[in-house]
Amino acid sequence: MAVIDMAEAMARVPQKGFLDVELDPTLDLFAEIERLKKEKNAIVLAHYYQEPDIQDVADYIGDSLGLAQKARDTNADLILFAGVHFMAETAKILNPTKKVVLPDLKAGCSLSDSAPPELFARWRQQYPDHIVVTYINCSAGMKALSDIICTSSNAKAIIDSLPADQPIIFAPDKNLGAWLNKATGRNMVLWNGACMVHEIFSLEKISKLKLRHPEAKLLAHPECEEPVLQLADYIGSTTQLLKYSRTDASQAYIVATETGILHQMQKDSPHKTFIPAPPNNACACNECPHMKLNTLEKLYLCLRYETPELTMPEELRLAALRPIDRMLEISQAAGLLG
């Protein structure tokens, strides 16, 4: 598969931000955002890790699988993606004729950054008989080098759908890949990438929390490191963690993923207690600095001025679309799409 020239691709992405706009402090941003959505036939898609105000104005809140499906199926003319850069890229890959904007172009992803397409393309030459299954948390250039994309919601189903004797490269998250190897009995070759948020949870602090709250179950995302996963009572994607907290009989949970998900957990189960798992630093909770670059004010300005817009060369879009379509086909067959 040809390597897309990412320098050329990124040169096509507008890098300017908003003009220096001073907002009227009396402006009702919630009402204005609703007005602009109707006026522009726009949809706001938000990831669970966004700040609560953004989640509350979104038309759809979800994890990467649900957001990809919504982006594919929307009839909106304008897609505002409240998430990080690779998520908005995925929306554009699926909607070449629609305008895709995101509140802050600098909202990147440490996991995506850990897999530069040019380096990965050279590395994978060591494994010519392997197919590449790539976690959706990666750049369009990485997707273009992949055979199938997956999310944490559908990764196991996708791996299980492949022949048992098929060698696989899994990228870029080594922790999710190691968890999948255990869950599926595979021996996939893993790229050495990781998410900064899920790698800095403190095992010592979580253990102390569990002693102080013996009634609380530990919920963990599979991007966490193995020692944390070994302590977990339940492991799953953000959507799976949310559903488990809603349907499980327990009344308290320690949650080892980005803290944005706690907003929806608390809304769904106001009578339950949710405790963010602490990182290995002085903070009491673990937030993604990239996700939190988006704010309600930036979202309003983005919707008003329809910038920054995400664009990409058609060659790159088509190359990245193929493995995403394959993911959606397998997910549909496995009953993972609504």
Protein backbone atom coordinates (compact mmCIF):
# COMPACT_ATOMS: atom_id res chain seq x y z
CA MET A 1 0.00 0.00 0.00
CA ALA A 2 1.40 3.41 -0.93
CA VAL A 3 2.41 5.82 1.81
CA ILE A 4 0.51 9.10 1.72
CA ASP A 5 2.73 12.19 1.91
CA MET A 6 1.56 13.56 5.27
CA ALA A 7 3.52 16.80 4.91
CA GLU A 8 1.55 17.54 1.78
CA ALA A 9 -1.67 16.40 3.44
CA MET A 10 -1.25 18.66 6.47
CA ALA A 11 -0.37 21.59 4.23
CA ARG A 12 -3.91 21.33 2.94
CA VAL A 13 -5.41 21.70 6.43
CA PRO A 14 -6.16 25.32 7.37
CA GLN A 15 -4.06 26.24 10.40
CA LYS A 16 -5.58 29.58 11.32
CA GLY A 17 -7.68 29.83 14.43
CA PHE A 18 -10.47 32.23 15.27
CA LEU A 19 -10.15 35.95 15.00
CA ASP A 20 -9.67 37.71 18.31
CA VAL A 21 -13.37 37.86 19.15
CA GLU A 22 -14.48 39.21 22.50
CA LEU A 23 -17.78 37.60 23.44
CA ASP A 24 -20.57 39.51 25.12
CA PRO A 25 -20.58 38.07 28.67
CA THR A 26 -24.40 38.24 28.72
CA LEU A 27 -24.69 36.03 25.64
CA ASP A 28 -26.61 32.81 26.25
CA LEU A 29 -24.23 30.41 24.53
CA PHE A 30 -26.55 27.42 24.92
CA ALA A 31 -29.41 29.24 23.17
CA GLU A 32 -27.13 30.68 20.49
CA ILE A 33 -25.64 27.29 19.70
CA GLU A 34 -29.12 25.80 19.32
CA ARG A 35 -30.12 28.68 17.04
CA LEU A 36 -27.04 28.28 14.86
CA LYS A 37 -27.51 24.51 14.59
CA LYS A 38 -30.98 25.01 13.17
CA GLU A 39 -29.94 27.91 10.94
CA LYS A 40 -27.01 26.02 9.41
CA ASN A 41 -28.45 22.48 9.47
CA ALA A 42 -25.51 21.54 11.67
CA ILE A 43 -24.92 18.61 13.98
CA VAL A 44 -22.64 18.67 17.02
CA LEU A 45 -20.93 15.35 17.74
CA ALA A 46 -19.12 15.11 21.07
CA HIS A 47 -16.93 12.51 22.70
CA TYR A 48 -17.59 11.41 26.27
CA TYR A 49 -14.33 13.04 27.33
CA GLN A 50 -15.51 16.57 26.52
CA GLU A 51 -16.37 19.02 29.29
CA PRO A 52 -19.95 18.75 30.66
CA ASP A 53 -21.24 21.93 28.96
CA ILE A 54 -20.19 20.62 25.56
CA GLN A 55 -21.79 17.25 26.23
CA ASP A 56 -25.00 19.05 27.17
CA VAL A 57 -25.25 20.95 23.86
CA ALA A 58 -24.26 17.99 21.68
CA ASP A 59 -26.76 16.24 19.41
CA TYR A 60 -24.94 12.97 19.98
CA ILE A 61 -22.45 11.90 22.62
CA GLY A 62 -20.52 8.68 22.18
CA ASP A 63 -17.31 6.74 21.88
CA SER A 64 -15.31 6.41 18.68
CA LEU A 65 -17.50 3.65 17.19
CA GLY A 66 -20.79 5.44 17.81
CA LEU A 67 -19.37 8.75 16.60
CA ALA A 68 -18.08 7.16 13.39
CA GLN A 69 -21.51 5.67 12.73
CA LYS A 70 -23.28 8.99 13.41
CA ALA A 71 -20.82 10.85 11.19
CA ARG A 72 -21.50 8.36 8.38
CA ASP A 73 -25.29 8.52 8.68
CA THR A 74 -25.96 12.22 9.34
CA ASN A 75 -28.01 14.35 6.95
CA ALA A 76 -26.53 17.57 8.32
CA ASP A 77 -24.72 19.99 6.01
CA LEU A 78 -22.22 21.00 8.69
CA ILE A 79 -20.56 18.62 11.15
CA LEU A 80 -18.99 20.18 14.22
CA PHE A 81 -16.83 17.62 15.95
CA ALA A 82 -16.18 18.28 19.62
CA GLY A 83 -13.32 15.89 20.16
CA VAL A 84 -9.76 15.62 18.95
CA HIS A 85 -8.22 15.95 15.50
CA PHE A 86 -8.29 12.29 14.42
CA MET A 87 -12.03 12.11 15.22
CA ALA A 88 -12.81 15.07 12.98
CA GLU A 89 -10.62 13.46 10.30
CA THR A 90 -12.75 10.32 10.52
CA ALA A 91 -15.90 12.39 10.05
CA LYS A 92 -14.40 14.01 6.94
CA ILE A 93 -13.25 10.65 5.57
CA LEU A 94 -16.86 9.44 5.81
CA ASN A 95 -18.39 12.70 4.52
CA PRO A 96 -16.36 14.16 1.65
CA THR A 97 -19.11 16.55 0.54
CA LYS A 98 -19.91 17.92 3.99
CA LYS A 99 -18.10 20.66 5.83
CA VAL A 100 -16.37 19.38 8.98
CA VAL A 101 -15.17 21.82 11.62
CA LEU A 102 -13.66 21.42 15.07
CA PRO A 103 -13.33 23.98 17.84
CA ASP A 104 -9.54 23.76 18.17
CA LEU A 105 -7.14 22.36 15.56
CA LYS A 106 -4.53 21.89 18.28
CA ALA A 107 -6.69 19.28 20.03
CA GLY A 108 -4.46 16.35 19.13
CA CYS A 109 -3.91 12.93 20.68
CA SER A 110 -0.82 11.50 22.37
CA LEU A 111 -1.71 7.99 21.15
CA SER A 112 -2.12 9.15 17.56
CA ASP A 113 1.17 11.06 17.80
CA SER A 114 2.94 7.88 18.94
CA ALA A 115 2.48 6.32 15.48
CA PRO A 116 3.96 8.48 12.69
CA PRO A 117 2.80 6.92 9.38
CA GLU A 118 6.22 7.14 7.74
CA LEU A 119 7.92 5.22 10.57
CA PHE A 120 5.12 2.69 10.76
CA ALA A 121 5.26 2.04 7.01
CA ARG A 122 8.96 1.14 7.24
CA TRP A 123 8.50 -0.96 10.38
CA ARG A 124 5.65 -3.06 8.97
CA GLN A 125 7.87 -4.19 6.08
CA GLN A 126 9.33 -6.70 8.56
CA TYR A 127 5.95 -8.49 8.57
CA PRO A 128 4.85 -8.88 4.92
CA ASP A 129 2.39 -11.69 5.67
CA HIS A 130 0.59 -9.78 8.47
CA ILE A 131 -2.58 -7.78 8.09
CA VAL A 132 -2.81 -4.49 9.97
CA VAL A 133 -5.62 -3.87 12.45
CA THR A 134 -5.38 -0.29 13.67
CA TYR A 135 -7.14 1.37 16.58
CA ILE A 136 -9.20 4.33 15.41
CA ASN A 137 -7.16 6.66 17.67
CA CYS A 138 -4.68 7.40 14.88
CA SER A 139 -4.13 9.80 12.02
CA ALA A 140 -5.64 9.50 8.54
CA GLY A 141 -2.17 8.55 7.33
CA MET A 142 -2.10 5.57 9.68
CA LYS A 143 -5.60 4.55 8.66
CA ALA A 144 -4.47 4.61 5.03
CA LEU A 145 -1.79 2.03 5.90
CA SER A 146 -4.28 -0.29 7.59
CA ASP A 147 -6.45 -3.21 6.51
CA ILE A 148 -9.13 -2.82 9.20
CA ILE A 149 -9.83 -0.09 11.75
CA CYS A 150 -11.24 -0.96 15.17
CA THR A 151 -12.43 0.82 18.30
CA SER A 152 -12.29 -0.38 21.88
CA SER A 153 -15.99 -1.30 21.55
CA ASN A 154 -15.55 -3.63 18.59
CA ALA A 155 -11.85 -4.63 18.70
CA LYS A 156 -12.42 -8.12 20.11
CA ALA A 157 -15.20 -8.87 17.60
CA ILE A 158 -12.98 -7.72 14.74
CA ILE A 159 -10.00 -9.82 15.87
CA ASP A 160 -12.28 -12.83 16.42
CA SER A 161 -13.69 -12.43 12.88
CA LEU A 162 -10.26 -13.07 11.33
CA PRO A 163 -8.92 -16.60 10.62
CA ALA A 164 -7.08 -18.10 13.58
CA ASP A 165 -3.93 -18.62 11.50
CA GLN A 166 -3.86 -15.06 10.12
CA PRO A 167 -0.84 -13.12 11.48
CA ILE A 168 -1.83 -9.65 12.68
CA ILE A 169 -0.10 -6.38 13.46
CA PHE A 170 -2.01 -4.30 16.00
CA ALA A 171 -1.32 -0.57 16.30
CA PRO A 172 -0.86 1.89 17.84
CA ASP A 173 -1.93 1.09 21.45
CA LYS A 174 0.26 -1.58 23.05
CA ASN A 175 -1.94 -1.82 26.16
CA LEU A 176 -5.15 -2.41 24.23
CA GLY A 177 -3.24 -4.83 22.00
CA ALA A 178 -1.91 -6.80 24.98
CA TRP A 179 -5.39 -6.99 26.50
CA LEU A 180 -6.77 -8.22 23.15
CA ASN A 181 -4.05 -10.88 22.93
CA LYS A 182 -5.19 -12.22 26.30
CA ALA A 183 -8.89 -11.93 25.45
CA THR A 184 -8.62 -13.62 22.03
CA GLY A 185 -5.69 -16.02 22.55
CA ARG A 186 -3.78 -14.36 19.71
CA ASN A 187 -0.15 -13.39 19.48
CA MET A 188 -0.45 -10.15 17.55
CA VAL A 189 2.65 -8.08 16.88
CA LEU A 190 2.18 -4.79 18.77
CA TRP A 191 3.33 -1.31 17.85
CA ASN A 192 4.81 0.48 20.86
CA GLY A 193 2.29 3.30 21.34
CA ALA A 194 0.17 4.41 24.30
CA CYS A 195 -2.28 7.04 25.59
CA MET A 196 -0.81 9.49 28.09
CA VAL A 197 -4.07 9.61 30.06
CA HIS A 198 -4.42 5.87 30.55
CA GLU A 199 -0.71 5.26 31.21
CA ILE A 200 -0.35 7.49 34.27
CA PHE A 201 -2.95 5.98 36.57
CA SER A 202 -1.34 5.26 39.92
CA LEU A 203 -1.67 1.63 40.96
CA GLU A 204 -0.72 2.58 44.53
CA LYS A 205 -3.34 5.33 44.78
CA ILE A 206 -6.04 3.15 43.21
CA SER A 207 -5.23 0.37 45.68
CA LYS A 208 -5.57 2.81 48.57
CA LEU A 209 -8.89 4.06 47.15
CA LYS A 210 -10.17 0.50 47.02
CA LEU A 211 -9.23 0.04 50.69
CA ARG A 212 -11.10 3.24 51.62
CA HIS A 213 -14.08 2.30 49.44
CA PRO A 214 -14.35 -1.50 49.61
CA GLU A 215 -17.87 -1.33 48.21
CA ALA A 216 -16.70 0.41 45.02
CA LYS A 217 -16.01 -1.57 41.86
CA LEU A 218 -13.06 -0.57 39.68
CA LEU A 219 -14.04 0.11 36.06
CA ALA A 220 -11.13 0.38 33.61
CA HIS A 221 -10.60 1.17 29.95
CA PRO A 222 -8.41 -1.41 28.12
CA GLU A 223 -5.93 1.35 27.23
CA CYS A 224 -4.82 1.18 30.89
CA GLU A 225 -1.66 -0.68 31.79
CA GLU A 226 -1.83 -4.34 32.78
CA PRO A 227 -1.42 -3.89 36.58
CA VAL A 228 -4.48 -1.60 36.65
CA LEU A 229 -6.47 -3.99 34.46
CA GLN A 230 -5.63 -6.85 36.82
CA LEU A 231 -7.34 -4.94 39.64
CA ALA A 232 -10.42 -4.08 37.57
CA ASP A 233 -13.84 -5.56 38.23
CA TYR A 234 -14.91 -4.67 34.69
CA ILE A 235 -12.94 -3.67 31.56
CA GLY A 236 -14.57 -2.01 28.58
CA SER A 237 -14.82 0.92 26.18
CA THR A 238 -16.28 4.20 27.39
CA THR A 239 -19.74 3.20 26.16
CA GLN A 240 -19.42 -0.24 27.75
CA LEU A 241 -18.29 1.29 31.05
CA LEU A 242 -21.24 3.67 30.97
CA LYS A 243 -23.71 0.87 30.30
CA TYR A 244 -22.21 -1.32 33.02
CA SER A 245 -22.44 1.47 35.61
CA ARG A 246 -26.09 1.97 34.64
CA THR A 247 -27.17 -1.67 34.80
CA ASP A 248 -24.90 -3.10 37.52
CA ALA A 249 -26.33 -3.41 41.03
CA SER A 250 -23.36 -1.79 42.78
CA GLN A 251 -23.74 1.71 44.15
CA ALA A 252 -20.16 2.98 43.91
CA TYR A 253 -17.41 2.87 41.27
CA ILE A 254 -13.81 3.93 40.84
CA VAL A 255 -13.44 4.86 37.18
CA ALA A 256 -10.08 4.44 35.43
CA THR A 257 -10.49 6.43 32.24
CA GLU A 258 -10.69 10.12 31.31
CA THR A 259 -12.95 11.92 33.78
CA GLY A 260 -15.32 13.35 31.17
CA ILE A 261 -17.29 10.09 31.21
CA LEU A 262 -18.29 10.68 34.85
CA HIS A 263 -20.69 13.42 33.73
CA GLN A 264 -22.82 10.95 31.79
CA MET A 265 -22.47 8.28 34.47
CA GLN A 266 -23.77 10.67 37.11
CA LYS A 267 -26.61 11.83 34.87
CA ASP A 268 -27.66 8.25 34.17
CA SER A 269 -27.31 7.10 37.79
CA PRO A 270 -27.66 10.13 40.09
CA HIS A 271 -28.08 7.90 43.14
CA LYS A 272 -24.69 6.23 42.63
CA THR A 273 -21.18 7.38 43.59
CA PHE A 274 -18.44 7.75 40.95
CA ILE A 275 -14.83 8.32 41.99
CA PRO A 276 -12.18 9.23 39.39
CA ALA A 277 -9.12 7.00 39.54
CA PRO A 278 -6.11 9.18 40.43
CA PRO A 279 -3.03 9.58 38.24
CA ASN A 280 0.58 9.33 39.33
CA ASN A 281 0.90 13.05 40.02
CA ALA A 282 -0.57 15.67 42.36
CA CYS A 283 -3.97 15.76 40.59
CA ALA A 284 -7.07 14.13 42.05
CA CYS A 285 -8.37 13.07 38.65
CA ASN A 286 -7.03 12.31 35.18
CA GLU A 287 -8.00 14.65 32.33
CA CYS A 288 -6.88 14.65 28.71
CA PRO A 289 -5.31 18.06 28.04
CA HIS A 290 -6.09 17.71 24.33
CA MET A 291 -9.79 16.99 24.82
CA LYS A 292 -10.06 19.86 27.26
CA LEU A 293 -8.72 22.39 24.72
CA ASN A 294 -12.29 22.54 23.42
CA THR A 295 -14.57 24.92 25.32
CA LEU A 296 -18.17 26.04 24.96
CA GLU A 297 -16.96 29.46 23.78
CA LYS A 298 -14.77 27.91 21.08
CA LEU A 299 -17.63 25.65 20.03
CA TYR A 300 -19.93 28.66 19.60
CA LEU A 301 -17.34 30.58 17.56
CA CYS A 302 -16.58 27.50 15.47
CA LEU A 303 -20.27 27.09 14.67
CA ARG A 304 -20.77 30.79 14.00
CA TYR A 305 -17.78 31.26 11.67
CA GLU A 306 -17.52 27.65 10.40
CA THR A 307 -13.81 27.54 11.07
CA PRO A 308 -11.35 25.88 11.60
CA GLU A 309 -12.36 23.54 8.79
CA LEU A 310 -10.76 20.14 8.31
CA THR A 311 -9.86 19.16 4.74
CA MET A 312 -7.66 16.46 3.23
CA PRO A 313 -6.49 15.28 -0.20
CA GLU A 314 -8.90 12.88 -1.88
CA GLU A 315 -6.18 10.24 -2.32
CA LEU A 316 -5.63 10.16 1.43
CA ARG A 317 -9.36 10.14 2.18
CA LEU A 318 -10.06 7.18 -0.09
CA ALA A 319 -7.12 5.19 1.26
CA ALA A 320 -8.29 5.81 4.85
CA LEU A 321 -11.93 5.06 4.00
CA ARG A 322 -11.39 1.44 3.01
CA PRO A 323 -10.37 0.10 6.45
CA ILE A 324 -13.09 2.19 8.15
CA ASP A 325 -15.74 0.72 5.85
CA ARG A 326 -14.40 -2.73 6.67
CA MET A 327 -14.75 -1.98 10.39
CA LEU A 328 -18.34 -0.84 9.97
CA GLU A 329 -19.19 -3.93 7.90
CA ILE A 330 -17.80 -6.31 10.53
CA SER A 331 -19.45 -4.35 13.34
CA GLN A 332 -22.80 -4.46 11.55
CA ALA A 333 -22.49 -8.22 11.06
CA ALA A 334 -21.63 -8.64 14.75
CA GLY A 335 -24.66 -6.61 15.81
CA LEU A 336 -22.55 -3.84 17.31
CA LEU A 337 -24.18 -0.99 15.38
CA GLY A 338 -27.60 0.43 16.15
